[in-house]
Amino acid sequence: MPNTKNIEKVAELSEKFNKANTIYFTDYLGLDVTSITELRSEFYKSDVEYLVAKNTLIKLAAETNNFVDISEVLAGSTAMAITYEEPTSAAKILKNFVKKHKLPTVKGVLFEGSLHGSDALERMASLPTHEESLSMLLSALQQPMSKLAATLNASLVNLVNVLDSLKEQKS
């Protein structure tokens, strides 16, 4: 019979999984306390939740949410970086942290209902964030208008220059 603590933990994980946008499964074994604290601090700044749970509880919570079978990433010690808003923020943090510390290793990424391998981290980290995408879109939309304004302005300036020349010739 499961104890109350585990039942509460599964319910808590299930709720987090239900709200999650992307979940990065990592193997944190080998990281010292200072490194994990540094990683958690980076995650906290980007509104990413980093937590450790037992594999059986993670599997039960995933089954509760009708996720795909994630048992392949639930071997060994497992920590999860859960994003609720921006799916690429955790990937960028993990990528930079792994470059610096060589750990944690990413086991897999659960994104939009499908499980991706550890190579998904590179792809996710290279994607622009929501804000970067919006600024690129705004720039792309603004550029033709700026060119049109410059073209129209250049024509008016040329017209004024021609009129000034005529005025000087007549006087």
Protein backbone atom coordinates (compact mmCIF):
# COMPACT_ATOMS: atom_id res chain seq x y z
CA MET A 1 0.00 0.00 0.00
CA PRO A 2 1.49 3.38 -1.02
CA ASN A 3 2.18 5.85 1.73
CA THR A 4 0.52 9.25 1.92
CA LYS A 5 3.73 11.13 1.19
CA ASN A 6 4.19 9.33 -2.15
CA ILE A 7 0.54 9.83 -3.10
CA GLU A 8 0.87 13.56 -2.45
CA LYS A 9 4.14 13.72 -4.41
CA VAL A 10 2.53 11.97 -7.42
CA ALA A 11 -0.40 14.40 -7.28
CA GLU A 12 2.00 17.35 -7.09
CA LEU A 13 4.10 16.05 -10.00
CA SER A 14 0.98 15.31 -12.02
CA GLU A 15 -0.22 18.89 -11.55
CA LYS A 16 3.19 20.26 -12.60
CA PHE A 17 3.25 17.97 -15.66
CA ASN A 18 -0.25 19.09 -16.59
CA LYS A 19 0.82 22.77 -16.61
CA ALA A 20 4.26 22.15 -18.12
CA ASN A 21 5.21 23.33 -21.58
CA THR A 22 8.45 21.34 -21.80
CA ILE A 23 10.19 18.91 -19.44
CA TYR A 24 13.94 18.25 -19.66
CA PHE A 25 15.01 15.01 -17.96
CA THR A 26 18.59 15.14 -16.69
CA ASP A 27 21.00 12.93 -14.79
CA TYR A 28 22.36 15.14 -12.03
CA LEU A 29 24.70 12.54 -10.52
CA GLY A 30 28.21 13.95 -10.17
CA LEU A 31 27.22 17.56 -9.59
CA ASP A 32 28.34 18.99 -6.28
CA VAL A 33 26.14 21.19 -4.10
CA THR A 34 27.65 24.45 -5.36
CA SER A 35 27.07 23.50 -8.97
CA ILE A 36 23.47 22.42 -8.37
CA THR A 37 22.84 25.65 -6.46
CA GLU A 38 24.29 27.64 -9.35
CA LEU A 39 22.13 25.72 -11.84
CA ARG A 40 18.99 26.18 -9.75
CA SER A 41 19.76 29.90 -9.50
CA GLU A 42 20.02 30.19 -13.28
CA PHE A 43 16.78 28.28 -13.69
CA TYR A 44 15.03 30.45 -11.09
CA LYS A 45 15.96 33.62 -13.01
CA SER A 46 14.23 32.20 -16.10
CA ASP A 47 11.13 30.83 -14.33
CA VAL A 48 12.19 27.23 -14.79
CA GLU A 49 11.56 24.74 -12.02
CA TYR A 50 14.31 22.19 -11.35
CA LEU A 51 13.36 19.29 -9.12
CA VAL A 52 14.42 15.78 -8.24
CA ALA A 53 11.95 12.92 -7.79
CA LYS A 54 11.90 9.16 -7.68
CA ASN A 55 11.59 7.52 -11.08
CA THR A 56 8.55 5.47 -10.07
CA LEU A 57 6.72 8.61 -8.92
CA ILE A 58 7.63 10.43 -12.13
CA LYS A 59 6.35 7.49 -14.17
CA LEU A 60 3.07 7.38 -12.24
CA ALA A 61 2.57 11.13 -12.67
CA ALA A 62 3.29 10.84 -16.40
CA GLU A 63 0.78 8.00 -16.73
CA THR A 64 -1.80 10.09 -14.88
CA ASN A 65 -1.39 12.78 -17.55
CA ASN A 66 -1.52 10.25 -20.41
CA PHE A 67 2.01 11.07 -21.57
CA VAL A 68 3.90 8.84 -23.96
CA ASP A 69 5.99 6.12 -22.35
CA ILE A 70 8.93 7.91 -20.72
CA SER A 71 10.45 4.87 -19.03
CA GLU A 72 13.53 5.04 -21.29
CA VAL A 73 14.64 8.29 -19.62
CA LEU A 74 13.85 7.07 -16.12
CA ALA A 75 17.03 5.10 -15.48
CA GLY A 76 19.40 6.20 -12.75
CA SER A 77 19.09 9.49 -10.91
CA THR A 78 16.59 11.84 -12.52
CA ALA A 79 16.06 15.56 -12.15
CA MET A 80 13.63 17.55 -14.24
CA ALA A 81 13.77 21.08 -15.55
CA ILE A 82 10.15 22.08 -16.09
CA THR A 83 9.23 25.12 -18.16
CA TYR A 84 5.76 26.58 -18.04
CA GLU A 85 6.15 29.48 -20.47
CA GLU A 86 9.25 29.57 -22.66
CA PRO A 87 10.37 26.11 -23.87
CA THR A 88 13.81 27.25 -25.02
CA SER A 89 14.92 29.01 -21.83
CA ALA A 90 15.82 25.79 -19.99
CA ALA A 91 17.61 24.43 -23.06
CA LYS A 92 19.82 27.51 -23.31
CA ILE A 93 20.65 27.39 -19.60
CA LEU A 94 21.41 23.66 -19.71
CA LYS A 95 23.55 24.02 -22.83
CA ASN A 96 25.67 26.79 -21.28
CA PHE A 97 25.92 24.97 -17.95
CA VAL A 98 27.00 21.71 -19.60
CA LYS A 99 29.70 23.56 -21.56
CA LYS A 100 31.08 24.91 -18.31
CA HIS A 101 30.65 21.91 -15.96
CA LYS A 102 30.28 18.92 -18.35
CA LEU A 103 27.19 17.92 -16.31
CA PRO A 104 24.23 17.31 -16.04
CA THR A 105 23.64 14.95 -18.90
CA VAL A 106 20.30 15.36 -20.63
CA LYS A 107 18.43 12.07 -20.98
CA GLY A 108 15.50 13.37 -22.99
CA VAL A 109 13.06 16.17 -23.63
CA LEU A 110 9.29 15.89 -23.39
CA PHE A 111 7.87 18.55 -25.70
CA GLU A 112 4.29 18.83 -26.92
CA GLY A 113 3.40 15.29 -25.95
CA SER A 114 6.32 13.51 -27.59
CA LEU A 115 9.60 12.35 -26.12
CA HIS A 116 12.79 13.44 -27.88
CA GLY A 117 16.33 12.24 -27.29
CA SER A 118 19.17 14.17 -25.74
CA ASP A 119 20.05 15.66 -29.15
CA ALA A 120 16.87 17.76 -28.88
CA LEU A 121 18.68 19.99 -26.39
CA GLU A 122 20.93 21.41 -29.12
CA ARG A 123 17.97 22.02 -31.42
CA MET A 124 15.88 23.63 -28.68
CA ALA A 125 18.76 25.80 -27.48
CA SER A 126 19.34 27.15 -30.99
CA LEU A 127 15.73 28.30 -31.36
CA PRO A 128 14.97 31.94 -30.59
CA THR A 129 12.91 32.76 -27.52
CA HIS A 130 9.40 34.16 -27.84
CA GLU A 131 10.67 37.72 -27.31
CA GLU A 132 13.47 37.26 -29.85
CA SER A 133 10.96 35.90 -32.38
CA LEU A 134 8.69 38.89 -31.86
CA SER A 135 11.56 41.35 -32.29
CA MET A 136 12.64 39.59 -35.52
CA LEU A 137 9.05 39.76 -36.79
CA LEU A 138 8.76 43.42 -35.88
CA SER A 139 12.05 44.15 -37.62
CA ALA A 140 10.91 42.29 -40.73
CA LEU A 141 7.63 44.18 -40.77
CA GLN A 142 9.29 47.52 -40.10
CA GLN A 143 11.95 47.24 -42.79
CA PRO A 144 9.70 47.63 -45.88
CA MET A 145 7.96 50.63 -44.31
CA SER A 146 11.31 52.25 -43.53
CA LYS A 147 12.47 51.70 -47.13
CA LEU A 148 9.22 53.15 -48.48
CA ALA A 149 9.54 56.21 -46.26
CA ALA A 150 13.17 56.70 -47.32
CA THR A 151 12.23 56.35 -51.01
CA LEU A 152 9.38 58.84 -50.73
CA ASN A 153 11.55 61.21 -48.74
CA ALA A 154 14.35 60.98 -51.32
CA SER A 155 11.92 61.91 -54.11
CA LEU A 156 10.73 64.95 -52.18
CA VAL A 157 14.29 66.02 -51.43
CA ASN A 158 15.16 65.72 -55.15
CA LEU A 159 12.10 67.77 -56.07
CA VAL A 160 13.05 70.50 -53.60
CA ASN A 161 16.63 70.53 -54.95
CA VAL A 162 15.35 70.89 -58.52
CA LEU A 163 13.02 73.73 -57.51
CA ASP A 164 15.88 75.48 -55.67
CA SER A 165 18.09 75.19 -58.78
CA LEU A 166 15.34 76.67 -60.96
CA LYS A 167 14.83 79.49 -58.49
CA GLU A 168 18.56 80.29 -58.52
CA GLN A 169 18.69 80.18 -62.33
CA LYS A 170 15.77 82.58 -62.65
CA SER A 171 17.14 85.05 -60.17
